[in-house]
Amino acid sequence: MSHEKFKICIDACNECASECEHCATACSHEKDAQALAKCIELDRYCADMCRTAVAFMSRSDKHTSSFVTKFCDLCAEICNACATECEKHSHMEHCKKCAESCRKCAIECNKIGKVFLEN
């Protein structure tokens, strides 16, 4: 299966990873960074998951489809958790943008199982 089937999700994951890294860095430079520790931690987990999801989708074939689906489901779960945390700080632009990107990524990751059903 061509990784082109996953292009929208791959793009969403790459964007989300970038926004999460930016958010984590920006939060760590806030004067109340200690209060943002959970946000920073979830940003970093989410960024790592998104990058790994891209790798899984890029090498996916008929033998690994169930792994990709499960991994993308987990990625969506972490993206939603990160978005929920960032939304608590949406008065900061970087958290607001991160939350939006995480929600978009979660939606796209949840669609991955359907890609395999179409084949």
PDB file of N, CA and C in Angstrom:
ATOM      1  N   MET A   1       0.844  -1.175   0.000  1.00  0.00           N
ATOM      2  CA  MET A   1       0.000   0.000   0.000  1.00  0.00           C
ATOM      3  C   MET A   1       0.889   1.238   0.000  1.00  0.00           C
ATOM      4  N   SER A   2       0.569   2.153  -0.850  1.00  0.00           N
ATOM      5  CA  SER A   2       1.342   3.388  -0.961  1.00  0.00           C
ATOM      6  C   SER A   2       1.089   4.294   0.237  1.00  0.00           C
ATOM      7  N   HIS A   3       2.146   4.922   0.692  1.00  0.00           N
ATOM      8  CA  HIS A   3       1.984   5.854   1.814  1.00  0.00           C
ATOM      9  C   HIS A   3       1.182   7.089   1.402  1.00  0.00           C
ATOM     10  N   GLU A   4       0.937   7.254   0.095  1.00  0.00           N
ATOM     11  CA  GLU A   4       0.122   8.382  -0.379  1.00  0.00           C
ATOM     12  C   GLU A   4      -1.297   8.328   0.193  1.00  0.00           C
ATOM     13  N   LYS A   5      -1.786   7.118   0.482  1.00  0.00           N
ATOM     14  CA  LYS A   5      -3.118   6.984   1.087  1.00  0.00           C
ATOM     15  C   LYS A   5      -3.184   7.676   2.446  1.00  0.00           C
ATOM     16  N   PHE A   6      -2.024   7.842   3.048  1.00  0.00           N
ATOM     17  CA  PHE A   6      -1.949   8.422   4.383  1.00  0.00           C
ATOM     18  C   PHE A   6      -1.539   9.885   4.372  1.00  0.00           C
ATOM     19  N   LYS A   7      -1.420  10.487   3.201  1.00  0.00           N
ATOM     20  CA  LYS A   7      -0.841  11.826   3.085  1.00  0.00           C
ATOM     21  C   LYS A   7      -1.499  12.855   4.014  1.00  0.00           C
ATOM     22  N   ILE A   8      -2.810  12.894   4.065  1.00  0.00           N
ATOM     23  CA  ILE A   8      -3.496  13.884   4.904  1.00  0.00           C
ATOM     24  C   ILE A   8      -3.140  13.667   6.375  1.00  0.00           C
ATOM     25  N   CYS A   9      -3.125  12.406   6.804  1.00  0.00           N
ATOM     26  CA  CYS A   9      -2.786  12.111   8.197  1.00  0.00           C
ATOM     27  C   CYS A   9      -1.311  12.389   8.468  1.00  0.00           C
ATOM     28  N   ILE A  10      -0.445  12.024   7.534  1.00  0.00           N
ATOM     29  CA  ILE A  10       0.988  12.298   7.696  1.00  0.00           C
ATOM     30  C   ILE A  10       1.214  13.799   7.829  1.00  0.00           C
ATOM     31  N   ASP A  11       0.568  14.572   6.975  1.00  0.00           N
ATOM     32  CA  ASP A  11       0.707  16.033   7.058  1.00  0.00           C
ATOM     33  C   ASP A  11       0.195  16.565   8.397  1.00  0.00           C
ATOM     34  N   ALA A  12      -0.941  16.043   8.850  1.00  0.00           N
ATOM     35  CA  ALA A  12      -1.503  16.482  10.138  1.00  0.00           C
ATOM     36  C   ALA A  12      -0.570  16.109  11.291  1.00  0.00           C
ATOM     37  N   CYS A  13       0.018  14.924  11.228  1.00  0.00           N
ATOM     38  CA  CYS A  13       0.952  14.490  12.280  1.00  0.00           C
ATOM     39  C   CYS A  13       2.212  15.348  12.284  1.00  0.00           C
ATOM     40  N   ASN A  14       2.736  15.651  11.096  1.00  0.00           N
ATOM     41  CA  ASN A  14       3.933  16.499  11.029  1.00  0.00           C
ATOM     42  C   ASN A  14       3.651  17.894  11.574  1.00  0.00           C
ATOM     43  N   GLU A  15       2.510  18.449  11.203  1.00  0.00           N
ATOM     44  CA  GLU A  15       2.133  19.778  11.705  1.00  0.00           C
ATOM     45  C   GLU A  15       1.947  19.746  13.221  1.00  0.00           C
ATOM     46  N   CYS A  16       1.297  18.710  13.710  1.00  0.00           N
ATOM     47  CA  CYS A  16       1.047  18.585  15.143  1.00  0.00           C
ATOM     48  C   CYS A  16       2.364  18.458  15.914  1.00  0.00           C
ATOM     49  N   ALA A  17       3.272  17.642  15.415  1.00  0.00           N
ATOM     50  CA  ALA A  17       4.571  17.484  16.083  1.00  0.00           C
ATOM     51  C   ALA A  17       5.290  18.822  16.174  1.00  0.00           C
ATOM     52  N   SER A  18       5.241  19.572  15.098  1.00  0.00           N
ATOM     53  CA  SER A  18       5.895  20.883  15.074  1.00  0.00           C
ATOM     54  C   SER A  18       5.239  21.850  16.061  1.00  0.00           C
ATOM     55  N   GLU A  19       3.915  21.907  16.068  1.00  0.00           N
ATOM     56  CA  GLU A  19       3.197  22.791  16.997  1.00  0.00           C
ATOM     57  C   GLU A  19       3.443  22.381  18.447  1.00  0.00           C
ATOM     58  N   CYS A  20       3.479  21.076  18.700  1.00  0.00           N
ATOM     59  CA  CYS A  20       3.727  20.599  20.066  1.00  0.00           C
ATOM     60  C   CYS A  20       5.126  20.973  20.540  1.00  0.00           C
ATOM     61  N   GLU A  21       6.115  20.822  19.673  1.00  0.00           N
ATOM     62  CA  GLU A  21       7.484  21.196  20.053  1.00  0.00           C
ATOM     63  C   GLU A  21       7.565  22.696  20.331  1.00  0.00           C
ATOM     64  N   HIS A  22       6.917  23.478  19.463  1.00  0.00           N
ATOM     65  CA  HIS A  22       6.911  24.931  19.667  1.00  0.00           C
ATOM     66  C   HIS A  22       6.219  25.283  20.984  1.00  0.00           C
ATOM     67  N   CYS A  23       5.087  24.659  21.239  1.00  0.00           N
ATOM     68  CA  CYS A  23       4.327  24.935  22.463  1.00  0.00           C
ATOM     69  C   CYS A  23       5.144  24.564  23.701  1.00  0.00           C
ATOM     70  N   ALA A  24       5.782  23.404  23.672  1.00  0.00           N
ATOM     71  CA  ALA A  24       6.595  22.975  24.821  1.00  0.00           C
ATOM     72  C   ALA A  24       7.717  23.968  25.095  1.00  0.00           C
ATOM     73  N   THR A  25       8.374  24.404  24.033  1.00  0.00           N
ATOM     74  CA  THR A  25       9.468  25.368  24.195  1.00  0.00           C
ATOM     75  C   THR A  25       8.944  26.699  24.719  1.00  0.00           C
ATOM     76  N   ALA A  26       7.850  27.177  24.120  1.00  0.00           N
ATOM     77  CA  ALA A  26       7.273  28.454  24.552  1.00  0.00           C
ATOM     78  C   ALA A  26       6.800  28.374  26.006  1.00  0.00           C
ATOM     79  N   CYS A  27       6.149  27.274  26.374  1.00  0.00           N
ATOM     80  CA  CYS A  27       5.686  27.114  27.760  1.00  0.00           C
ATOM     81  C   CYS A  27       6.858  27.094  28.734  1.00  0.00           C
ATOM     82  N   SER A  28       7.952  26.468  28.328  1.00  0.00           N
ATOM     83  CA  SER A  28       9.105  26.372  29.233  1.00  0.00           C
ATOM     84  C   SER A  28       9.767  27.723  29.465  1.00  0.00           C
ATOM     85  N   HIS A  29       9.477  28.694  28.591  1.00  0.00           N
ATOM     86  CA  HIS A  29      10.023  30.038  28.752  1.00  0.00           C
ATOM     87  C   HIS A  29       9.045  31.010  29.422  1.00  0.00           C
ATOM     88  N   GLU A  30       7.849  30.538  29.724  1.00  0.00           N
ATOM     89  CA  GLU A  30       6.879  31.376  30.434  1.00  0.00           C
ATOM     90  C   GLU A  30       7.336  31.545  31.883  1.00  0.00           C
ATOM     91  N   LYS A  31       6.962  32.663  32.489  1.00  0.00           N
ATOM     92  CA  LYS A  31       7.409  32.885  33.874  1.00  0.00           C
ATOM     93  C   LYS A  31       6.763  31.895  34.847  1.00  0.00           C
ATOM     94  N   ASP A  32       5.605  31.351  34.489  1.00  0.00           N
ATOM     95  CA  ASP A  32       4.973  30.330  35.336  1.00  0.00           C
ATOM     96  C   ASP A  32       5.146  28.929  34.730  1.00  0.00           C
ATOM     97  N   ALA A  33       6.327  28.680  34.188  1.00  0.00           N
ATOM     98  CA  ALA A  33       6.613  27.410  33.513  1.00  0.00           C
ATOM     99  C   ALA A  33       6.333  26.201  34.402  1.00  0.00           C
ATOM    100  N   GLN A  34       6.577  26.328  35.678  1.00  0.00           N
ATOM    101  CA  GLN A  34       6.337  25.221  36.612  1.00  0.00           C
ATOM    102  C   GLN A  34       4.867  24.804  36.579  1.00  0.00           C
ATOM    103  N   ALA A  35       3.972  25.768  36.474  1.00  0.00           N
ATOM    104  CA  ALA A  35       2.534  25.481  36.425  1.00  0.00           C
ATOM    105  C   ALA A  35       2.128  24.850  35.095  1.00  0.00           C
ATOM    106  N   LEU A  36       3.002  24.940  34.100  1.00  0.00           N
ATOM    107  CA  LEU A  36       2.724  24.400  32.770  1.00  0.00           C
ATOM    108  C   LEU A  36       3.427  23.062  32.534  1.00  0.00           C
ATOM    109  N   ALA A  37       3.930  22.453  33.591  1.00  0.00           N
ATOM    110  CA  ALA A  37       4.711  21.216  33.463  1.00  0.00           C
ATOM    111  C   ALA A  37       3.938  20.101  32.754  1.00  0.00           C
ATOM    112  N   LYS A  38       2.657  19.941  33.090  1.00  0.00           N
ATOM    113  CA  LYS A  38       1.854  18.887  32.454  1.00  0.00           C
ATOM    114  C   LYS A  38       1.683  19.175  30.967  1.00  0.00           C
ATOM    115  N   CYS A  39       1.468  20.422  30.624  1.00  0.00           N
ATOM    116  CA  CYS A  39       1.323  20.818  29.226  1.00  0.00           C
ATOM    117  C   CYS A  39       2.615  20.511  28.458  1.00  0.00           C
ATOM    118  N   ILE A  40       3.731  20.884  29.032  1.00  0.00           N
ATOM    119  CA  ILE A  40       5.033  20.653  28.397  1.00  0.00           C
ATOM    120  C   ILE A  40       5.263  19.159  28.188  1.00  0.00           C
ATOM    121  N   GLU A  41       4.977  18.377  29.219  1.00  0.00           N
ATOM    122  CA  GLU A  41       5.181  16.928  29.126  1.00  0.00           C
ATOM    123  C   GLU A  41       4.293  16.311  28.044  1.00  0.00           C
ATOM    124  N   LEU A  42       3.008  16.666  28.036  1.00  0.00           N
ATOM    125  CA  LEU A  42       2.101  16.126  27.019  1.00  0.00           C
ATOM    126  C   LEU A  42       2.485  16.599  25.620  1.00  0.00           C
ATOM    127  N   ASP A  43       2.932  17.847  25.499  1.00  0.00           N
ATOM    128  CA  ASP A  43       3.403  18.340  24.197  1.00  0.00           C
ATOM    129  C   ASP A  43       4.518  17.446  23.663  1.00  0.00           C
ATOM    130  N   ARG A  44       5.452  17.114  24.518  1.00  0.00           N
ATOM    131  CA  ARG A  44       6.603  16.311  24.078  1.00  0.00           C
ATOM    132  C   ARG A  44       6.190  14.878  23.742  1.00  0.00           C
ATOM    133  N   TYR A  45       5.333  14.281  24.567  1.00  0.00           N
ATOM    134  CA  TYR A  45       4.832  12.940  24.252  1.00  0.00           C
ATOM    135  C   TYR A  45       4.077  12.951  22.925  1.00  0.00           C
ATOM    136  N   CYS A  46       3.244  13.942  22.751  1.00  0.00           N
ATOM    137  CA  CYS A  46       2.439  14.037  21.535  1.00  0.00           C
ATOM    138  C   CYS A  46       3.329  14.204  20.303  1.00  0.00           C
ATOM    139  N   ALA A  47       4.318  15.068  20.392  1.00  0.00           N
ATOM    140  CA  ALA A  47       5.238  15.272  19.269  1.00  0.00           C
ATOM    141  C   ALA A  47       5.943  13.967  18.914  1.00  0.00           C
ATOM    142  N   ASP A  48       6.418  13.246  19.921  1.00  0.00           N
ATOM    143  CA  ASP A  48       7.088  11.962  19.674  1.00  0.00           C
ATOM    144  C   ASP A  48       6.142  10.959  19.029  1.00  0.00           C
ATOM    145  N   MET A  49       4.920  10.880  19.530  1.00  0.00           N
ATOM    146  CA  MET A  49       3.934   9.946  18.969  1.00  0.00           C
ATOM    147  C   MET A  49       3.614  10.289  17.523  1.00  0.00           C
ATOM    148  N   CYS A  50       3.454  11.563  17.246  1.00  0.00           N
ATOM    149  CA  CYS A  50       3.124  11.980  15.880  1.00  0.00           C
ATOM    150  C   CYS A  50       4.254  11.634  14.910  1.00  0.00           C
ATOM    151  N   ARG A  51       5.492  11.889  15.310  1.00  0.00           N
ATOM    152  CA  ARG A  51       6.624  11.547  14.441  1.00  0.00           C
ATOM    153  C   ARG A  51       6.707  10.036  14.213  1.00  0.00           C
ATOM    154  N   THR A  52       6.446   9.272  15.255  1.00  0.00           N
ATOM    155  CA  THR A  52       6.490   7.816  15.115  1.00  0.00           C
ATOM    156  C   THR A  52       5.325   7.323  14.261  1.00  0.00           C
ATOM    157  N   ALA A  53       4.173   7.931  14.399  1.00  0.00           N
ATOM    158  CA  ALA A  53       3.025   7.563  13.560  1.00  0.00           C
ATOM    159  C   ALA A  53       3.346   7.795  12.087  1.00  0.00           C
ATOM    160  N   VAL A  54       4.034   8.885  11.787  1.00  0.00           N
ATOM    161  CA  VAL A  54       4.448   9.158  10.402  1.00  0.00           C
ATOM    162  C   VAL A  54       5.337   8.023   9.903  1.00  0.00           C
ATOM    163  N   ALA A  55       6.275   7.591  10.716  1.00  0.00           N
ATOM    164  CA  ALA A  55       7.165   6.494  10.321  1.00  0.00           C
ATOM    165  C   ALA A  55       6.366   5.213  10.076  1.00  0.00           C
ATOM    166  N   PHE A  56       5.434   4.892  10.975  1.00  0.00           N
ATOM    167  CA  PHE A  56       4.607   3.694  10.807  1.00  0.00           C
ATOM    168  C   PHE A  56       3.811   3.766   9.504  1.00  0.00           C
ATOM    169  N   MET A  57       3.173   4.897   9.245  1.00  0.00           N
ATOM    170  CA  MET A  57       2.370   5.029   8.025  1.00  0.00           C
ATOM    171  C   MET A  57       3.235   4.982   6.778  1.00  0.00           C
ATOM    172  N   SER A  58       4.418   5.546   6.838  1.00  0.00           N
ATOM    173  CA  SER A  58       5.303   5.601   5.678  1.00  0.00           C
ATOM    174  C   SER A  58       5.799   4.222   5.267  1.00  0.00           C
ATOM    175  N   ARG A  59       5.924   3.299   6.222  1.00  0.00           N
ATOM    176  CA  ARG A  59       6.409   1.957   5.880  1.00  0.00           C
ATOM    177  C   ARG A  59       5.313   0.908   5.885  1.00  0.00           C
ATOM    178  N   SER A  60       4.111   1.305   6.003  1.00  0.00           N
ATOM    179  CA  SER A  60       3.002   0.377   6.142  1.00  0.00           C
ATOM    180  C   SER A  60       2.800  -0.499   4.908  1.00  0.00           C
ATOM    181  N   ASP A  61       2.410  -1.743   5.159  1.00  0.00           N
ATOM    182  CA  ASP A  61       2.000  -2.647   4.087  1.00  0.00           C
ATOM    183  C   ASP A  61       0.898  -3.555   4.631  1.00  0.00           C
ATOM    184  N   LYS A  62       0.452  -4.494   3.822  1.00  0.00           N
ATOM    185  CA  LYS A  62      -0.673  -5.338   4.246  1.00  0.00           C
ATOM    186  C   LYS A  62      -0.352  -6.174   5.483  1.00  0.00           C
ATOM    187  N   HIS A  63       0.921  -6.419   5.740  1.00  0.00           N
ATOM    188  CA  HIS A  63       1.310  -7.224   6.893  1.00  0.00           C
ATOM    189  C   HIS A  63       1.346  -6.417   8.191  1.00  0.00           C
ATOM    190  N   THR A  64       1.410  -5.112   8.073  1.00  0.00           N
ATOM    191  CA  THR A  64       1.540  -4.267   9.272  1.00  0.00           C
ATOM    192  C   THR A  64       0.333  -3.362   9.501  1.00  0.00           C
ATOM    193  N   SER A  65      -0.707  -3.545   8.715  1.00  0.00           N
ATOM    194  CA  SER A  65      -1.858  -2.637   8.794  1.00  0.00           C
ATOM    195  C   SER A  65      -2.490  -2.589  10.184  1.00  0.00           C
ATOM    196  N   SER A  66      -2.560  -3.718  10.870  1.00  0.00           N
ATOM    197  CA  SER A  66      -3.184  -3.697  12.201  1.00  0.00           C
ATOM    198  C   SER A  66      -2.333  -2.912  13.194  1.00  0.00           C
ATOM    199  N   PHE A  67      -1.008  -2.973  13.046  1.00  0.00           N
ATOM    200  CA  PHE A  67      -0.131  -2.194  13.923  1.00  0.00           C
ATOM    201  C   PHE A  67      -0.317  -0.703  13.676  1.00  0.00           C
ATOM    202  N   VAL A  68      -0.392  -0.336  12.403  1.00  0.00           N
ATOM    203  CA  VAL A  68      -0.550   1.077  12.052  1.00  0.00           C
ATOM    204  C   VAL A  68      -1.867   1.609  12.606  1.00  0.00           C
ATOM    205  N   THR A  69      -2.923   0.845  12.432  1.00  0.00           N
ATOM    206  CA  THR A  69      -4.235   1.263  12.933  1.00  0.00           C
ATOM    207  C   THR A  69      -4.204   1.452  14.450  1.00  0.00           C
ATOM    208  N   LYS A  70      -3.656   0.492  15.166  1.00  0.00           N
ATOM    209  CA  LYS A  70      -3.587   0.589  16.629  1.00  0.00           C
ATOM    210  C   LYS A  70      -2.710   1.756  17.065  1.00  0.00           C
ATOM    211  N   PHE A  71      -1.591   1.930  16.381  1.00  0.00           N
ATOM    212  CA  PHE A  71      -0.690   3.015  16.753  1.00  0.00           C
ATOM    213  C   PHE A  71      -1.344   4.368  16.504  1.00  0.00           C
ATOM    214  N   CYS A  72      -2.033   4.493  15.372  1.00  0.00           N
ATOM    215  CA  CYS A  72      -2.710   5.759  15.070  1.00  0.00           C
ATOM    216  C   CYS A  72      -3.856   6.018  16.043  1.00  0.00           C
ATOM    217  N   ASP A  73      -4.529   4.965  16.491  1.00  0.00           N
ATOM    218  CA  ASP A  73      -5.564   5.138  17.522  1.00  0.00           C
ATOM    219  C   ASP A  73      -4.948   5.681  18.814  1.00  0.00           C
ATOM    220  N   LEU A  74      -3.798   5.148  19.199  1.00  0.00           N
ATOM    221  CA  LEU A  74      -3.102   5.631  20.394  1.00  0.00           C
ATOM    222  C   LEU A  74      -2.614   7.061  20.195  1.00  0.00           C
ATOM    223  N   CYS A  75      -2.115   7.358  19.007  1.00  0.00           N
ATOM    224  CA  CYS A  75      -1.672   8.717  18.701  1.00  0.00           C
ATOM    225  C   CYS A  75      -2.843   9.692  18.850  1.00  0.00           C
ATOM    226  N   ALA A  76      -4.008   9.308  18.348  1.00  0.00           N
ATOM    227  CA  ALA A  76      -5.203  10.157  18.469  1.00  0.00           C
ATOM    228  C   ALA A  76      -5.561  10.384  19.931  1.00  0.00           C
ATOM    229  N   GLU A  77      -5.439   9.346  20.743  1.00  0.00           N
ATOM    230  CA  GLU A  77      -5.748   9.470  22.169  1.00  0.00           C
ATOM    231  C   GLU A  77      -4.802  10.466  22.849  1.00  0.00           C
ATOM    232  N   ILE A  78      -3.530  10.365  22.532  1.00  0.00           N
ATOM    233  CA  ILE A  78      -2.555  11.278  23.124  1.00  0.00           C
ATOM    234  C   ILE A  78      -2.757  12.696  22.590  1.00  0.00           C
ATOM    235  N   CYS A  79      -3.057  12.825  21.305  1.00  0.00           N
ATOM    236  CA  CYS A  79      -3.340  14.151  20.737  1.00  0.00           C
ATOM    237  C   CYS A  79      -4.521  14.804  21.446  1.00  0.00           C
ATOM    238  N   ASN A  80      -5.568  14.035  21.698  1.00  0.00           N
ATOM    239  CA  ASN A  80      -6.735  14.591  22.397  1.00  0.00           C
ATOM    240  C   ASN A  80      -6.402  14.987  23.830  1.00  0.00           C
ATOM    241  N   ALA A  81      -5.590  14.188  24.506  1.00  0.00           N
ATOM    242  CA  ALA A  81      -5.174  14.535  25.874  1.00  0.00           C
ATOM    243  C   ALA A  81      -4.344  15.815  25.871  1.00  0.00           C
ATOM    244  N   CYS A  82      -3.459  15.934  24.904  1.00  0.00           N
ATOM    245  CA  CYS A  82      -2.626  17.132  24.787  1.00  0.00           C
ATOM    246  C   CYS A  82      -3.498  18.352  24.485  1.00  0.00           C
ATOM    247  N   ALA A  83      -4.443  18.186  23.577  1.00  0.00           N
ATOM    248  CA  ALA A  83      -5.344  19.291  23.231  1.00  0.00           C
ATOM    249  C   ALA A  83      -6.142  19.748  24.449  1.00  0.00           C
ATOM    250  N   THR A  84      -6.650  18.800  25.214  1.00  0.00           N
ATOM    251  CA  THR A  84      -7.421  19.134  26.410  1.00  0.00           C
ATOM    252  C   THR A  84      -6.584  19.947  27.390  1.00  0.00           C
ATOM    253  N   GLU A  85      -5.335  19.552  27.572  1.00  0.00           N
ATOM    254  CA  GLU A  85      -4.450  20.290  28.476  1.00  0.00           C
ATOM    255  C   GLU A  85      -4.138  21.674  27.918  1.00  0.00           C
ATOM    256  N   CYS A  86      -3.804  21.747  26.632  1.00  0.00           N
ATOM    257  CA  CYS A  86      -3.476  23.044  26.021  1.00  0.00           C
ATOM    258  C   CYS A  86      -4.660  24.005  26.049  1.00  0.00           C
ATOM    259  N   GLU A  87      -5.864  23.471  25.916  1.00  0.00           N
ATOM    260  CA  GLU A  87      -7.057  24.318  25.948  1.00  0.00           C
ATOM    261  C   GLU A  87      -7.227  25.019  27.297  1.00  0.00           C
ATOM    262  N   LYS A  88      -6.652  24.459  28.342  1.00  0.00           N
ATOM    263  CA  LYS A  88      -6.695  25.107  29.660  1.00  0.00           C
ATOM    264  C   LYS A  88      -5.874  26.396  29.666  1.00  0.00           C
ATOM    265  N   HIS A  89      -4.981  26.516  28.699  1.00  0.00           N
ATOM    266  CA  HIS A  89      -4.075  27.668  28.614  1.00  0.00           C
ATOM    267  C   HIS A  89      -4.267  28.404  27.285  1.00  0.00           C
ATOM    268  N   SER A  90      -5.464  28.338  26.741  1.00  0.00           N
ATOM    269  CA  SER A  90      -5.700  28.880  25.396  1.00  0.00           C
ATOM    270  C   SER A  90      -5.593  30.400  25.318  1.00  0.00           C
ATOM    271  N   HIS A  91      -5.406  31.050  26.462  1.00  0.00           N
ATOM    272  CA  HIS A  91      -5.145  32.495  26.435  1.00  0.00           C
ATOM    273  C   HIS A  91      -3.743  32.770  25.871  1.00  0.00           C
ATOM    274  N   MET A  92      -2.909  31.728  25.847  1.00  0.00           N
ATOM    275  CA  MET A  92      -1.587  31.840  25.223  1.00  0.00           C
ATOM    276  C   MET A  92      -1.706  31.304  23.801  1.00  0.00           C
ATOM    277  N   GLU A  93      -1.305  32.092  22.847  1.00  0.00           N
ATOM    278  CA  GLU A  93      -1.483  31.738  21.436  1.00  0.00           C
ATOM    279  C   GLU A  93      -0.850  30.394  21.090  1.00  0.00           C
ATOM    280  N   HIS A  94       0.320  30.109  21.627  1.00  0.00           N
ATOM    281  CA  HIS A  94       0.989  28.849  21.281  1.00  0.00           C
ATOM    282  C   HIS A  94       0.201  27.643  21.785  1.00  0.00           C
ATOM    283  N   CYS A  95      -0.432  27.751  22.939  1.00  0.00           N
ATOM    284  CA  CYS A  95      -1.266  26.654  23.437  1.00  0.00           C
ATOM    285  C   CYS A  95      -2.546  26.520  22.608  1.00  0.00           C
ATOM    286  N   LYS A  96      -3.111  27.636  22.223  1.00  0.00           N
ATOM    287  CA  LYS A  96      -4.322  27.617  21.395  1.00  0.00           C
ATOM    288  C   LYS A  96      -4.047  26.937  20.056  1.00  0.00           C
ATOM    289  N   LYS A  97      -2.958  27.326  19.401  1.00  0.00           N
ATOM    290  CA  LYS A  97      -2.612  26.730  18.106  1.00  0.00           C
ATOM    291  C   LYS A  97      -2.271  25.251  18.250  1.00  0.00           C
ATOM    292  N   CYS A  98      -1.600  24.909  19.332  1.00  0.00           N
ATOM    293  CA  CYS A  98      -1.245  23.513  19.573  1.00  0.00           C
ATOM    294  C   CYS A  98      -2.506  22.669  19.759  1.00  0.00           C
ATOM    295  N   ALA A  99      -3.434  23.157  20.547  1.00  0.00           N
ATOM    296  CA  ALA A  99      -4.686  22.425  20.778  1.00  0.00           C
ATOM    297  C   ALA A  99      -5.432  22.192  19.468  1.00  0.00           C
ATOM    298  N   GLU A 100      -5.498  23.212  18.631  1.00  0.00           N
ATOM    299  CA  GLU A 100      -6.181  23.080  17.338  1.00  0.00           C
ATOM    300  C   GLU A 100      -5.500  22.033  16.467  1.00  0.00           C
ATOM    301  N   SER A 101      -4.181  22.070  16.429  1.00  0.00           N
ATOM    302  CA  SER A 101      -3.426  21.118  15.627  1.00  0.00           C
ATOM    303  C   SER A 101      -3.590  19.694  16.159  1.00  0.00           C
ATOM    304  N   CYS A 102      -3.594  19.549  17.472  1.00  0.00           N
ATOM    305  CA  CYS A 102      -3.781  18.232  18.088  1.00  0.00           C
ATOM    306  C   CYS A 102      -5.161  17.664  17.765  1.00  0.00           C
ATOM    307  N   ARG A 103      -6.192  18.486  17.835  1.00  0.00           N
ATOM    308  CA  ARG A 103      -7.554  18.010  17.521  1.00  0.00           C
ATOM    309  C   ARG A 103      -7.643  17.562  16.060  1.00  0.00           C
ATOM    310  N   LYS A 104      -7.060  18.349  15.161  1.00  0.00           N
ATOM    311  CA  LYS A 104      -7.066  17.995  13.737  1.00  0.00           C
ATOM    312  C   LYS A 104      -6.334  16.673  13.519  1.00  0.00           C
ATOM    313  N   CYS A 105      -5.195  16.519  14.157  1.00  0.00           N
ATOM    314  CA  CYS A 105      -4.414  15.296  14.016  1.00  0.00           C
ATOM    315  C   CYS A 105      -5.187  14.091  14.553  1.00  0.00           C
ATOM    316  N   ALA A 106      -5.833  14.249  15.683  1.00  0.00           N
ATOM    317  CA  ALA A 106      -6.616  13.155  16.262  1.00  0.00           C
ATOM    318  C   ALA A 106      -7.720  12.707  15.305  1.00  0.00           C
ATOM    319  N   ILE A 107      -8.375  13.657  14.681  1.00  0.00           N
ATOM    320  CA  ILE A 107      -9.434  13.327  13.717  1.00  0.00           C
ATOM    321  C   ILE A 107      -8.860  12.509  12.568  1.00  0.00           C
ATOM    322  N   GLU A 108      -7.728  12.952  12.035  1.00  0.00           N
ATOM    323  CA  GLU A 108      -7.117  12.245  10.901  1.00  0.00           C
ATOM    324  C   GLU A 108      -6.597  10.871  11.312  1.00  0.00           C
ATOM    325  N   CYS A 109      -6.002  10.768  12.488  1.00  0.00           N
ATOM    326  CA  CYS A 109      -5.504   9.467  12.958  1.00  0.00           C
ATOM    327  C   CYS A 109      -6.649   8.481  13.162  1.00  0.00           C
ATOM    328  N   ASN A 110      -7.788   8.967  13.626  1.00  0.00           N
ATOM    329  CA  ASN A 110      -8.937   8.084  13.823  1.00  0.00           C
ATOM    330  C   ASN A 110      -9.504   7.559  12.510  1.00  0.00           C
ATOM    331  N   LYS A 111      -9.169   8.179  11.401  1.00  0.00           N
ATOM    332  CA  LYS A 111      -9.647   7.738  10.088  1.00  0.00           C
ATOM    333  C   LYS A 111      -8.794   6.620   9.494  1.00  0.00           C
ATOM    334  N   ILE A 112      -7.635   6.351  10.053  1.00  0.00           N
ATOM    335  CA  ILE A 112      -6.683   5.430   9.439  1.00  0.00           C
ATOM    336  C   ILE A 112      -7.228   4.015   9.284  1.00  0.00           C
ATOM    337  N   GLY A 113      -7.967   3.516  10.244  1.00  0.00           N
ATOM    338  CA  GLY A 113      -8.547   2.180  10.114  1.00  0.00           C
ATOM    339  C   GLY A 113      -9.400   2.042   8.868  1.00  0.00           C
ATOM    340  N   LYS A 114     -10.079   3.096   8.486  1.00  0.00           N
ATOM    341  CA  LYS A 114     -10.924   3.079   7.288  1.00  0.00           C
ATOM    342  C   LYS A 114     -10.096   2.960   6.018  1.00  0.00           C
ATOM    343  N   VAL A 115      -8.890   3.490   6.030  1.00  0.00           N
ATOM    344  CA  VAL A 115      -8.010   3.399   4.860  1.00  0.00           C
ATOM    345  C   VAL A 115      -7.741   1.935   4.540  1.00  0.00           C
ATOM    346  N   PHE A 116      -7.519   1.126   5.571  1.00  0.00           N
ATOM    347  CA  PHE A 116      -7.241  -0.288   5.351  1.00  0.00           C
ATOM    348  C   PHE A 116      -8.486  -1.048   4.930  1.00  0.00           C
ATOM    349  N   LEU A 117      -9.644  -0.638   5.403  1.00  0.00           N
ATOM    350  CA  LEU A 117     -10.885  -1.298   5.014  1.00  0.00           C
ATOM    351  C   LEU A 117     -11.193  -1.084   3.538  1.00  0.00           C
ATOM    352  N   GLU A 118     -10.703   0.013   2.977  1.00  0.00           N
ATOM    353  CA  GLU A 118     -10.955   0.326   1.569  1.00  0.00           C
ATOM    354  C   GLU A 118     -10.109  -0.522   0.633  1.00  0.00           C
ATOM    355  N   ASN A 119      -9.108  -1.200   1.150  1.00  0.00           N
ATOM    356  CA  ASN A 119      -8.191  -1.985   0.298  1.00  0.00           C
ATOM    357  C   ASN A 119      -8.502  -3.453   0.326  1.00  0.00           C
TER     358      ASN A 119
END
